Amino acid sequence: MSHDRPTPEELVEAVREFLEQEILAGLDEHRLRFRTLVAMNALGIAARELATDDVTPPEAEQRALARQIRVGEAPDGTLALLKEQVAAKLRIASPRYLERYS
């Protein structure tokens, strides 16, 4: 799908930059500063989510695989598949954590 400018990614980044450069520097109250940092982190996650292709299999497939694992019938390659799915989620939610432990 084609978007007009600014793109959703650009909008999210613009808001994150505004919070970082214009708002955060002037905050003295610790709770409000913390909540602003949380908002900036959430915007970073949203930007990474918008910029990536979703590799998560449909929920029905995930449930079927979970049932197979529970009964001890995991198909070949399950561990590698699960590691890649976790890595894909971490690339969005916490890329620094993934870099540190991979």
PDB file of N, CA and C in Angstrom:
ATOM      1  N   MET A   1       0.842  -1.173   0.000  1.00  0.00           N
ATOM      2  CA  MET A   1       0.000   0.000   0.000  1.00  0.00           C
ATOM      3  C   MET A   1       0.890   1.241   0.000  1.00  0.00           C
ATOM      4  N   SER A   2       0.586   2.168  -0.831  1.00  0.00           N
ATOM      5  CA  SER A   2       1.354   3.399  -0.930  1.00  0.00           C
ATOM      6  C   SER A   2       0.720   4.478  -0.055  1.00  0.00           C
ATOM      7  N   HIS A   3       1.553   5.187   0.660  1.00  0.00           N
ATOM      8  CA  HIS A   3       1.070   6.264   1.519  1.00  0.00           C
ATOM      9  C   HIS A   3       1.599   7.597   1.005  1.00  0.00           C
ATOM     10  N   ASP A   4       0.807   8.635   1.239  1.00  0.00           N
ATOM     11  CA  ASP A   4       1.286   9.979   0.962  1.00  0.00           C
ATOM     12  C   ASP A   4       2.325  10.340   2.013  1.00  0.00           C
ATOM     13  N   ARG A   5       3.063  11.418   1.745  1.00  0.00           N
ATOM     14  CA  ARG A   5       4.045  11.905   2.702  1.00  0.00           C
ATOM     15  C   ARG A   5       3.365  12.798   3.704  1.00  0.00           C
ATOM     16  N   PRO A   6       3.679  12.795   4.934  1.00  0.00           N
ATOM     17  CA  PRO A   6       4.637  11.887   5.550  1.00  0.00           C
ATOM     18  C   PRO A   6       4.049  10.485   5.710  1.00  0.00           C
ATOM     19  N   THR A   7       4.924   9.512   5.623  1.00  0.00           N
ATOM     20  CA  THR A   7       4.522   8.119   5.787  1.00  0.00           C
ATOM     21  C   THR A   7       4.249   7.848   7.271  1.00  0.00           C
ATOM     22  N   PRO A   8       3.583   6.762   7.587  1.00  0.00           N
ATOM     23  CA  PRO A   8       3.383   6.420   8.999  1.00  0.00           C
ATOM     24  C   PRO A   8       4.712   6.317   9.756  1.00  0.00           C
ATOM     25  N   GLU A   9       5.725   5.766   9.111  1.00  0.00           N
ATOM     26  CA  GLU A   9       7.037   5.654   9.740  1.00  0.00           C
ATOM     27  C   GLU A   9       7.610   7.033  10.058  1.00  0.00           C
ATOM     28  N   GLU A  10       7.474   7.961   9.110  1.00  0.00           N
ATOM     29  CA  GLU A  10       7.986   9.321   9.312  1.00  0.00           C
ATOM     30  C   GLU A  10       7.229  10.047  10.427  1.00  0.00           C
ATOM     31  N   LEU A  11       5.926   9.837  10.493  1.00  0.00           N
ATOM     32  CA  LEU A  11       5.129  10.465  11.548  1.00  0.00           C
ATOM     33  C   LEU A  11       5.545   9.971  12.931  1.00  0.00           C
ATOM     34  N   VAL A  12       5.707   8.666  13.056  1.00  0.00           N
ATOM     35  CA  VAL A  12       6.116   8.087  14.338  1.00  0.00           C
ATOM     36  C   VAL A  12       7.491   8.619  14.736  1.00  0.00           C
ATOM     37  N   GLU A  13       8.412   8.646  13.800  1.00  0.00           N
ATOM     38  CA  GLU A  13       9.759   9.137  14.095  1.00  0.00           C
ATOM     39  C   GLU A  13       9.750  10.624  14.446  1.00  0.00           C
ATOM     40  N   ALA A  14       8.918  11.403  13.775  1.00  0.00           N
ATOM     41  CA  ALA A  14       8.832  12.832  14.069  1.00  0.00           C
ATOM     42  C   ALA A  14       8.334  13.075  15.496  1.00  0.00           C
ATOM     43  N   VAL A  15       7.354  12.313  15.927  1.00  0.00           N
ATOM     44  CA  VAL A  15       6.842  12.463  17.287  1.00  0.00           C
ATOM     45  C   VAL A  15       7.899  12.039  18.300  1.00  0.00           C
ATOM     46  N   ARG A  16       8.586  10.926  18.029  1.00  0.00           N
ATOM     47  CA  ARG A  16       9.640  10.458  18.929  1.00  0.00           C
ATOM     48  C   ARG A  16      10.743  11.509  19.050  1.00  0.00           C
ATOM     49  N   GLU A  17      11.165  12.069  17.924  1.00  0.00           N
ATOM     50  CA  GLU A  17      12.203  13.099  17.940  1.00  0.00           C
ATOM     51  C   GLU A  17      11.734  14.346  18.689  1.00  0.00           C
ATOM     52  N   PHE A  18      10.478  14.737  18.511  1.00  0.00           N
ATOM     53  CA  PHE A  18       9.929  15.896  19.222  1.00  0.00           C
ATOM     54  C   PHE A  18       9.995  15.666  20.727  1.00  0.00           C
ATOM     55  N   LEU A  19       9.558  14.498  21.168  1.00  0.00           N
ATOM     56  CA  LEU A  19       9.609  14.194  22.596  1.00  0.00           C
ATOM     57  C   LEU A  19      11.037  14.228  23.120  1.00  0.00           C
ATOM     58  N   GLU A  20      11.950  13.664  22.347  1.00  0.00           N
ATOM     59  CA  GLU A  20      13.345  13.599  22.782  1.00  0.00           C
ATOM     60  C   GLU A  20      14.004  14.983  22.805  1.00  0.00           C
ATOM     61  N   GLN A  21      13.822  15.746  21.753  1.00  0.00           N
ATOM     62  CA  GLN A  21      14.565  16.993  21.600  1.00  0.00           C
ATOM     63  C   GLN A  21      13.877  18.204  22.227  1.00  0.00           C
ATOM     64  N   GLU A  22      12.554  18.218  22.256  1.00  0.00           N
ATOM     65  CA  GLU A  22      11.841  19.401  22.726  1.00  0.00           C
ATOM     66  C   GLU A  22      11.236  19.236  24.124  1.00  0.00           C
ATOM     67  N   ILE A  23      10.784  18.066  24.452  1.00  0.00           N
ATOM     68  CA  ILE A  23      10.058  17.865  25.704  1.00  0.00           C
ATOM     69  C   ILE A  23      10.946  17.299  26.803  1.00  0.00           C
ATOM     70  N   LEU A  24      11.645  16.228  26.510  1.00  0.00           N
ATOM     71  CA  LEU A  24      12.417  15.512  27.530  1.00  0.00           C
ATOM     72  C   LEU A  24      13.434  16.408  28.222  1.00  0.00           C
ATOM     73  N   ALA A  25      14.118  17.223  27.457  1.00  0.00           N
ATOM     74  CA  ALA A  25      15.163  18.078  28.027  1.00  0.00           C
ATOM     75  C   ALA A  25      14.625  19.057  29.063  1.00  0.00           C
ATOM     76  N   GLY A  26      13.367  19.452  28.951  1.00  0.00           N
ATOM     77  CA  GLY A  26      12.799  20.421  29.873  1.00  0.00           C
ATOM     78  C   GLY A  26      12.045  19.817  31.047  1.00  0.00           C
ATOM     79  N   LEU A  27      12.056  18.493  31.161  1.00  0.00           N
ATOM     80  CA  LEU A  27      11.300  17.850  32.235  1.00  0.00           C
ATOM     81  C   LEU A  27      12.166  17.644  33.473  1.00  0.00           C
ATOM     82  N   ASP A  28      11.691  18.165  34.584  1.00  0.00           N
ATOM     83  CA  ASP A  28      12.384  17.979  35.857  1.00  0.00           C
ATOM     84  C   ASP A  28      11.680  16.948  36.739  1.00  0.00           C
ATOM     85  N   GLU A  29      10.385  16.799  36.553  1.00  0.00           N
ATOM     86  CA  GLU A  29       9.614  15.883  37.382  1.00  0.00           C
ATOM     87  C   GLU A  29       9.898  14.445  36.930  1.00  0.00           C
ATOM     88  N   HIS A  30      10.384  13.623  37.850  1.00  0.00           N
ATOM     89  CA  HIS A  30      10.869  12.277  37.505  1.00  0.00           C
ATOM     90  C   HIS A  30       9.795  11.379  36.899  1.00  0.00           C
ATOM     91  N   ARG A  31       8.598  11.424  37.446  1.00  0.00           N
ATOM     92  CA  ARG A  31       7.538  10.549  36.932  1.00  0.00           C
ATOM     93  C   ARG A  31       7.185  10.915  35.493  1.00  0.00           C
ATOM     94  N   LEU A  32       7.043  12.199  35.212  1.00  0.00           N
ATOM     95  CA  LEU A  32       6.719  12.639  33.858  1.00  0.00           C
ATOM     96  C   LEU A  32       7.875  12.336  32.898  1.00  0.00           C
ATOM     97  N   ARG A  33       9.104  12.489  33.363  1.00  0.00           N
ATOM     98  CA  ARG A  33      10.271  12.154  32.546  1.00  0.00           C
ATOM     99  C   ARG A  33      10.266  10.669  32.199  1.00  0.00           C
ATOM    100  N   PHE A  34       9.994   9.827  33.207  1.00  0.00           N
ATOM    101  CA  PHE A  34       9.937   8.383  32.984  1.00  0.00           C
ATOM    102  C   PHE A  34       8.846   8.033  31.979  1.00  0.00           C
ATOM    103  N   ARG A  35       7.673   8.622  32.138  1.00  0.00           N
ATOM    104  CA  ARG A  35       6.560   8.320  31.233  1.00  0.00           C
ATOM    105  C   ARG A  35       6.859   8.795  29.813  1.00  0.00           C
ATOM    106  N   THR A  36       7.592   9.882  29.683  1.00  0.00           N
ATOM    107  CA  THR A  36       7.992  10.349  28.358  1.00  0.00           C
ATOM    108  C   THR A  36       8.981   9.370  27.730  1.00  0.00           C
ATOM    109  N   LEU A  37       9.910   8.864  28.516  1.00  0.00           N
ATOM    110  CA  LEU A  37      10.845   7.853  28.014  1.00  0.00           C
ATOM    111  C   LEU A  37      10.109   6.586  27.582  1.00  0.00           C
ATOM    112  N   VAL A  38       9.094   6.196  28.346  1.00  0.00           N
ATOM    113  CA  VAL A  38       8.282   5.025  27.978  1.00  0.00           C
ATOM    114  C   VAL A  38       7.574   5.283  26.648  1.00  0.00           C
ATOM    115  N   ALA A  39       7.017   6.473  26.489  1.00  0.00           N
ATOM    116  CA  ALA A  39       6.342   6.824  25.236  1.00  0.00           C
ATOM    117  C   ALA A  39       7.324   6.803  24.065  1.00  0.00           C
ATOM    118  N   MET A  40       8.523   7.325  24.285  1.00  0.00           N
ATOM    119  CA  MET A  40       9.537   7.313  23.226  1.00  0.00           C
ATOM    120  C   MET A  40       9.912   5.881  22.853  1.00  0.00           C
ATOM    121  N   ASN A  41      10.042   5.016  23.847  1.00  0.00           N
ATOM    122  CA  ASN A  41      10.347   3.619  23.588  1.00  0.00           C
ATOM    123  C   ASN A  41       9.220   2.963  22.787  1.00  0.00           C
ATOM    124  N   ALA A  42       7.978   3.240  23.175  1.00  0.00           N
ATOM    125  CA  ALA A  42       6.834   2.683  22.449  1.00  0.00           C
ATOM    126  C   ALA A  42       6.825   3.157  20.994  1.00  0.00           C
ATOM    127  N   LEU A  43       7.159   4.411  20.780  1.00  0.00           N
ATOM    128  CA  LEU A  43       7.222   4.926  19.409  1.00  0.00           C
ATOM    129  C   LEU A  43       8.349   4.263  18.620  1.00  0.00           C
ATOM    130  N   GLY A  44       9.465   3.968  19.285  1.00  0.00           N
ATOM    131  CA  GLY A  44      10.549   3.245  18.624  1.00  0.00           C
ATOM    132  C   GLY A  44      10.107   1.853  18.205  1.00  0.00           C
ATOM    133  N   ILE A  45       9.371   1.176  19.084  1.00  0.00           N
ATOM    134  CA  ILE A  45       8.840  -0.148  18.754  1.00  0.00           C
ATOM    135  C   ILE A  45       7.883  -0.044  17.567  1.00  0.00           C
ATOM    136  N   ALA A  46       6.985   0.945  17.609  1.00  0.00           N
ATOM    137  CA  ALA A  46       6.038   1.129  16.510  1.00  0.00           C
ATOM    138  C   ALA A  46       6.758   1.392  15.195  1.00  0.00           C
ATOM    139  N   ALA A  47       7.811   2.201  15.223  1.00  0.00           N
ATOM    140  CA  ALA A  47       8.569   2.499  14.000  1.00  0.00           C
ATOM    141  C   ALA A  47       9.215   1.234  13.445  1.00  0.00           C
ATOM    142  N   ARG A  48       9.801   0.424  14.332  1.00  0.00           N
ATOM    143  CA  ARG A  48      10.419  -0.819  13.864  1.00  0.00           C
ATOM    144  C   ARG A  48       9.371  -1.789  13.339  1.00  0.00           C
ATOM    145  N   GLU A  49       8.210  -1.815  13.968  1.00  0.00           N
ATOM    146  CA  GLU A  49       7.114  -2.676  13.516  1.00  0.00           C
ATOM    147  C   GLU A  49       6.649  -2.257  12.121  1.00  0.00           C
ATOM    148  N   LEU A  50       6.515  -0.962  11.903  1.00  0.00           N
ATOM    149  CA  LEU A  50       6.097  -0.466  10.595  1.00  0.00           C
ATOM    150  C   LEU A  50       7.140  -0.758   9.514  1.00  0.00           C
ATOM    151  N   ALA A  51       8.403  -0.787   9.900  1.00  0.00           N
ATOM    152  CA  ALA A  51       9.489  -0.937   8.923  1.00  0.00           C
ATOM    153  C   ALA A  51       9.811  -2.383   8.592  1.00  0.00           C
ATOM    154  N   THR A  52       9.180  -3.331   9.252  1.00  0.00           N
ATOM    155  CA  THR A  52       9.538  -4.727   9.037  1.00  0.00           C
ATOM    156  C   THR A  52       8.376  -5.516   8.460  1.00  0.00           C
ATOM    157  N   ASP A  53       8.711  -6.599   7.805  1.00  0.00           N
ATOM    158  CA  ASP A  53       7.688  -7.537   7.340  1.00  0.00           C
ATOM    159  C   ASP A  53       7.397  -8.506   8.472  1.00  0.00           C
ATOM    160  N   ASP A  54       6.133  -8.741   8.737  1.00  0.00           N
ATOM    161  CA  ASP A  54       5.748  -9.641   9.818  1.00  0.00           C
ATOM    162  C   ASP A  54       6.035 -11.083   9.400  1.00  0.00           C
ATOM    163  N   VAL A  55       6.867 -11.760  10.180  1.00  0.00           N
ATOM    164  CA  VAL A  55       7.189 -13.158   9.886  1.00  0.00           C
ATOM    165  C   VAL A  55       6.460 -14.112  10.829  1.00  0.00           C
ATOM    166  N   THR A  56       5.578 -13.574  11.639  1.00  0.00           N
ATOM    167  CA  THR A  56       4.843 -14.415  12.576  1.00  0.00           C
ATOM    168  C   THR A  56       3.809 -15.231  11.829  1.00  0.00           C
ATOM    169  N   PRO A  57       3.839 -16.550  12.026  1.00  0.00           N
ATOM    170  CA  PRO A  57       2.827 -17.376  11.357  1.00  0.00           C
ATOM    171  C   PRO A  57       1.436 -17.077  11.914  1.00  0.00           C
ATOM    172  N   PRO A  58       0.406 -17.416  11.163  1.00  0.00           N
ATOM    173  CA  PRO A  58      -0.955 -17.196  11.653  1.00  0.00           C
ATOM    174  C   PRO A  58      -1.180 -17.903  12.994  1.00  0.00           C
ATOM    175  N   GLU A  59      -2.095 -17.352  13.782  1.00  0.00           N
ATOM    176  CA  GLU A  59      -2.352 -17.883  15.119  1.00  0.00           C
ATOM    177  C   GLU A  59      -2.733 -19.360  15.084  1.00  0.00           C
ATOM    178  N   ALA A  60      -3.499 -19.766  14.097  1.00  0.00           N
ATOM    179  CA  ALA A  60      -3.900 -21.179  14.002  1.00  0.00           C
ATOM    180  C   ALA A  60      -2.674 -22.087  13.869  1.00  0.00           C
ATOM    181  N   GLU A  61      -1.703 -21.651  13.073  1.00  0.00           N
ATOM    182  CA  GLU A  61      -0.467 -22.443  12.916  1.00  0.00           C
ATOM    183  C   GLU A  61       0.318 -22.484  14.217  1.00  0.00           C
ATOM    184  N   GLN A  62       0.364 -21.358  14.922  1.00  0.00           N
ATOM    185  CA  GLN A  62       1.076 -21.314  16.196  1.00  0.00           C
ATOM    186  C   GLN A  62       0.437 -22.250  17.210  1.00  0.00           C
ATOM    187  N   ARG A  63      -0.895 -22.264  17.262  1.00  0.00           N
ATOM    188  CA  ARG A  63      -1.600 -23.150  18.190  1.00  0.00           C
ATOM    189  C   ARG A  63      -1.368 -24.616  17.847  1.00  0.00           C
ATOM    190  N   ALA A  64      -1.386 -24.925  16.554  1.00  0.00           N
ATOM    191  CA  ALA A  64      -1.152 -26.310  16.130  1.00  0.00           C
ATOM    192  C   ALA A  64       0.255 -26.756  16.517  1.00  0.00           C
ATOM    193  N   LEU A  65       1.244 -25.900  16.301  1.00  0.00           N
ATOM    194  CA  LEU A  65       2.615 -26.239  16.674  1.00  0.00           C
ATOM    195  C   LEU A  65       2.739 -26.407  18.181  1.00  0.00           C
ATOM    196  N   ALA A  66       2.089 -25.537  18.947  1.00  0.00           N
ATOM    197  CA  ALA A  66       2.124 -25.654  20.407  1.00  0.00           C
ATOM    198  C   ALA A  66       1.537 -26.989  20.854  1.00  0.00           C
ATOM    199  N   ARG A  67       0.439 -27.416  20.233  1.00  0.00           N
ATOM    200  CA  ARG A  67      -0.145 -28.725  20.574  1.00  0.00           C
ATOM    201  C   ARG A  67       0.833 -29.852  20.272  1.00  0.00           C
ATOM    202  N   GLN A  68       1.497 -29.767  19.121  1.00  0.00           N
ATOM    203  CA  GLN A  68       2.474 -30.802  18.750  1.00  0.00           C
ATOM    204  C   GLN A  68       3.614 -30.855  19.772  1.00  0.00           C
ATOM    205  N   ILE A  69       4.091 -29.711  20.182  1.00  0.00           N
ATOM    206  CA  ILE A  69       5.189 -29.650  21.148  1.00  0.00           C
ATOM    207  C   ILE A  69       4.737 -30.259  22.481  1.00  0.00           C
ATOM    208  N   ARG A  70       3.531 -29.900  22.923  1.00  0.00           N
ATOM    209  CA  ARG A  70       3.030 -30.409  24.210  1.00  0.00           C
ATOM    210  C   ARG A  70       2.924 -31.923  24.235  1.00  0.00           C
ATOM    211  N   VAL A  71       2.591 -32.534  23.120  1.00  0.00           N
ATOM    212  CA  VAL A  71       2.446 -33.998  23.101  1.00  0.00           C
ATOM    213  C   VAL A  71       3.742 -34.692  22.680  1.00  0.00           C
ATOM    214  N   GLY A  72       4.811 -33.916  22.546  1.00  0.00           N
ATOM    215  CA  GLY A  72       6.111 -34.508  22.221  1.00  0.00           C
ATOM    216  C   GLY A  72       6.307 -34.859  20.767  1.00  0.00           C
ATOM    217  N   GLU A  73       5.566 -34.200  19.878  1.00  0.00           N
ATOM    218  CA  GLU A  73       5.661 -34.489  18.443  1.00  0.00           C
ATOM    219  C   GLU A  73       6.088 -33.266  17.636  1.00  0.00           C
ATOM    220  N   ALA A  74       7.079 -32.554  18.147  1.00  0.00           N
ATOM    221  CA  ALA A  74       7.564 -31.368  17.441  1.00  0.00           C
ATOM    222  C   ALA A  74       8.213 -31.771  16.125  1.00  0.00           C
ATOM    223  N   PRO A  75       7.837 -31.147  15.033  1.00  0.00           N
ATOM    224  CA  PRO A  75       8.443 -31.478  13.738  1.00  0.00           C
ATOM    225  C   PRO A  75       9.919 -31.062  13.695  1.00  0.00           C
ATOM    226  N   ASP A  76      10.654 -31.667  12.794  1.00  0.00           N
ATOM    227  CA  ASP A  76      12.057 -31.289  12.602  1.00  0.00           C
ATOM    228  C   ASP A  76      12.133 -29.793  12.290  1.00  0.00           C
ATOM    229  N   GLY A  77      13.137 -29.154  12.855  1.00  0.00           N
ATOM    230  CA  GLY A  77      13.351 -27.737  12.595  1.00  0.00           C
ATOM    231  C   GLY A  77      12.567 -26.816  13.524  1.00  0.00           C
ATOM    232  N   THR A  78      11.834 -27.379  14.491  1.00  0.00           N
ATOM    233  CA  THR A  78      11.016 -26.551  15.379  1.00  0.00           C
ATOM    234  C   THR A  78      11.860 -25.595  16.211  1.00  0.00           C
ATOM    235  N   LEU A  79      12.954 -26.081  16.760  1.00  0.00           N
ATOM    236  CA  LEU A  79      13.786 -25.221  17.600  1.00  0.00           C
ATOM    237  C   LEU A  79      14.321 -24.038  16.794  1.00  0.00           C
ATOM    238  N   ALA A  80      14.812 -24.298  15.601  1.00  0.00           N
ATOM    239  CA  ALA A  80      15.327 -23.212  14.754  1.00  0.00           C
ATOM    240  C   ALA A  80      14.211 -22.227  14.398  1.00  0.00           C
ATOM    241  N   LEU A  81      13.022 -22.746  14.110  1.00  0.00           N
ATOM    242  CA  LEU A  81      11.883 -21.894  13.786  1.00  0.00           C
ATOM    243  C   LEU A  81      11.527 -20.996  14.965  1.00  0.00           C
ATOM    244  N   LEU A  82      11.462 -21.575  16.165  1.00  0.00           N
ATOM    245  CA  LEU A  82      11.117 -20.795  17.347  1.00  0.00           C
ATOM    246  C   LEU A  82      12.185 -19.759  17.665  1.00  0.00           C
ATOM    247  N   LYS A  83      13.448 -20.114  17.500  1.00  0.00           N
ATOM    248  CA  LYS A  83      14.529 -19.144  17.728  1.00  0.00           C
ATOM    249  C   LYS A  83      14.406 -17.965  16.771  1.00  0.00           C
ATOM    250  N   GLU A  84      14.086 -18.233  15.512  1.00  0.00           N
ATOM    251  CA  GLU A  84      13.947 -17.153  14.536  1.00  0.00           C
ATOM    252  C   GLU A  84      12.737 -16.277  14.862  1.00  0.00           C
ATOM    253  N   GLN A  85      11.650 -16.883  15.306  1.00  0.00           N
ATOM    254  CA  GLN A  85      10.472 -16.097  15.666  1.00  0.00           C
ATOM    255  C   GLN A  85      10.763 -15.189  16.864  1.00  0.00           C
ATOM    256  N   VAL A  86      11.476 -15.720  17.857  1.00  0.00           N
ATOM    257  CA  VAL A  86      11.834 -14.905  19.019  1.00  0.00           C
ATOM    258  C   VAL A  86      12.782 -13.785  18.598  1.00  0.00           C
ATOM    259  N   ALA A  87      13.761 -14.111  17.758  1.00  0.00           N
ATOM    260  CA  ALA A  87      14.700 -13.088  17.282  1.00  0.00           C
ATOM    261  C   ALA A  87      13.956 -11.998  16.512  1.00  0.00           C
ATOM    262  N   ALA A  88      12.976 -12.367  15.693  1.00  0.00           N
ATOM    263  CA  ALA A  88      12.203 -11.377  14.933  1.00  0.00           C
ATOM    264  C   ALA A  88      11.437 -10.454  15.881  1.00  0.00           C
ATOM    265  N   LYS A  89      10.875 -11.016  16.940  1.00  0.00           N
ATOM    266  CA  LYS A  89      10.150 -10.194  17.918  1.00  0.00           C
ATOM    267  C   LYS A  89      11.105  -9.272  18.665  1.00  0.00           C
ATOM    268  N   LEU A  90      12.290  -9.779  19.014  1.00  0.00           N
ATOM    269  CA  LEU A  90      13.268  -8.958  19.723  1.00  0.00           C
ATOM    270  C   LEU A  90      13.828  -7.847  18.844  1.00  0.00           C
ATOM    271  N   ARG A  91      13.966  -8.103  17.533  1.00  0.00           N
ATOM    272  CA  ARG A  91      14.436  -7.041  16.627  1.00  0.00           C
ATOM    273  C   ARG A  91      13.488  -5.848  16.664  1.00  0.00           C
ATOM    274  N   ILE A  92      12.225  -6.104  16.959  1.00  0.00           N
ATOM    275  CA  ILE A  92      11.242  -5.029  17.047  1.00  0.00           C
ATOM    276  C   ILE A  92      11.185  -4.462  18.461  1.00  0.00           C
ATOM    277  N   ALA A  93      11.038  -5.337  19.453  1.00  0.00           N
ATOM    278  CA  ALA A  93      10.800  -4.886  20.827  1.00  0.00           C
ATOM    279  C   ALA A  93      12.054  -4.390  21.528  1.00  0.00           C
ATOM    280  N   SER A  94      13.194  -5.052  21.275  1.00  0.00           N
ATOM    281  CA  SER A  94      14.405  -4.707  22.019  1.00  0.00           C
ATOM    282  C   SER A  94      15.649  -5.142  21.254  1.00  0.00           C
ATOM    283  N   PRO A  95      15.982  -4.430  20.170  1.00  0.00           N
ATOM    284  CA  PRO A  95      17.110  -4.852  19.347  1.00  0.00           C
ATOM    285  C   PRO A  95      18.441  -4.889  20.098  1.00  0.00           C
ATOM    286  N   ARG A  96      18.627  -4.011  21.064  1.00  0.00           N
ATOM    287  CA  ARG A  96      19.882  -4.029  21.832  1.00  0.00           C
ATOM    288  C   ARG A  96      20.018  -5.308  22.655  1.00  0.00           C
ATOM    289  N   TYR A  97      18.916  -5.798  23.177  1.00  0.00           N
ATOM    290  CA  TYR A  97      18.941  -7.063  23.939  1.00  0.00           C
ATOM    291  C   TYR A  97      19.375  -8.191  23.019  1.00  0.00           C
ATOM    292  N   LEU A  98      18.825  -8.233  21.813  1.00  0.00           N
ATOM    293  CA  LEU A  98      19.185  -9.272  20.859  1.00  0.00           C
ATOM    294  C   LEU A  98      20.658  -9.196  20.490  1.00  0.00           C
ATOM    295  N   GLU A  99      21.159  -7.989  20.251  1.00  0.00           N
ATOM    296  CA  GLU A  99      22.581  -7.805  19.917  1.00  0.00           C
ATOM    297  C   GLU A  99      23.481  -8.291  21.037  1.00  0.00           C
ATOM    298  N   ARG A 100      23.072  -8.020  22.261  1.00  0.00           N
ATOM    299  CA  ARG A 100      23.883  -8.359  23.423  1.00  0.00           C
ATOM    300  C   ARG A 100      23.963  -9.867  23.642  1.00  0.00           C
ATOM    301  N   TYR A 101      22.903 -10.606  23.349  1.00  0.00           N
ATOM    302  CA  TYR A 101      22.849 -12.018  23.710  1.00  0.00           C
ATOM    303  C   TYR A 101      22.843 -12.971  22.522  1.00  0.00           C
ATOM    304  N   SER A 102      23.082 -12.475  21.336  1.00  0.00           N
ATOM    305  CA  SER A 102      23.107 -13.411  20.195  1.00  0.00           C
ATOM    306  C   SER A 102      24.506 -13.611  19.682  1.00  0.00           C
TER     307      SER A 102
END
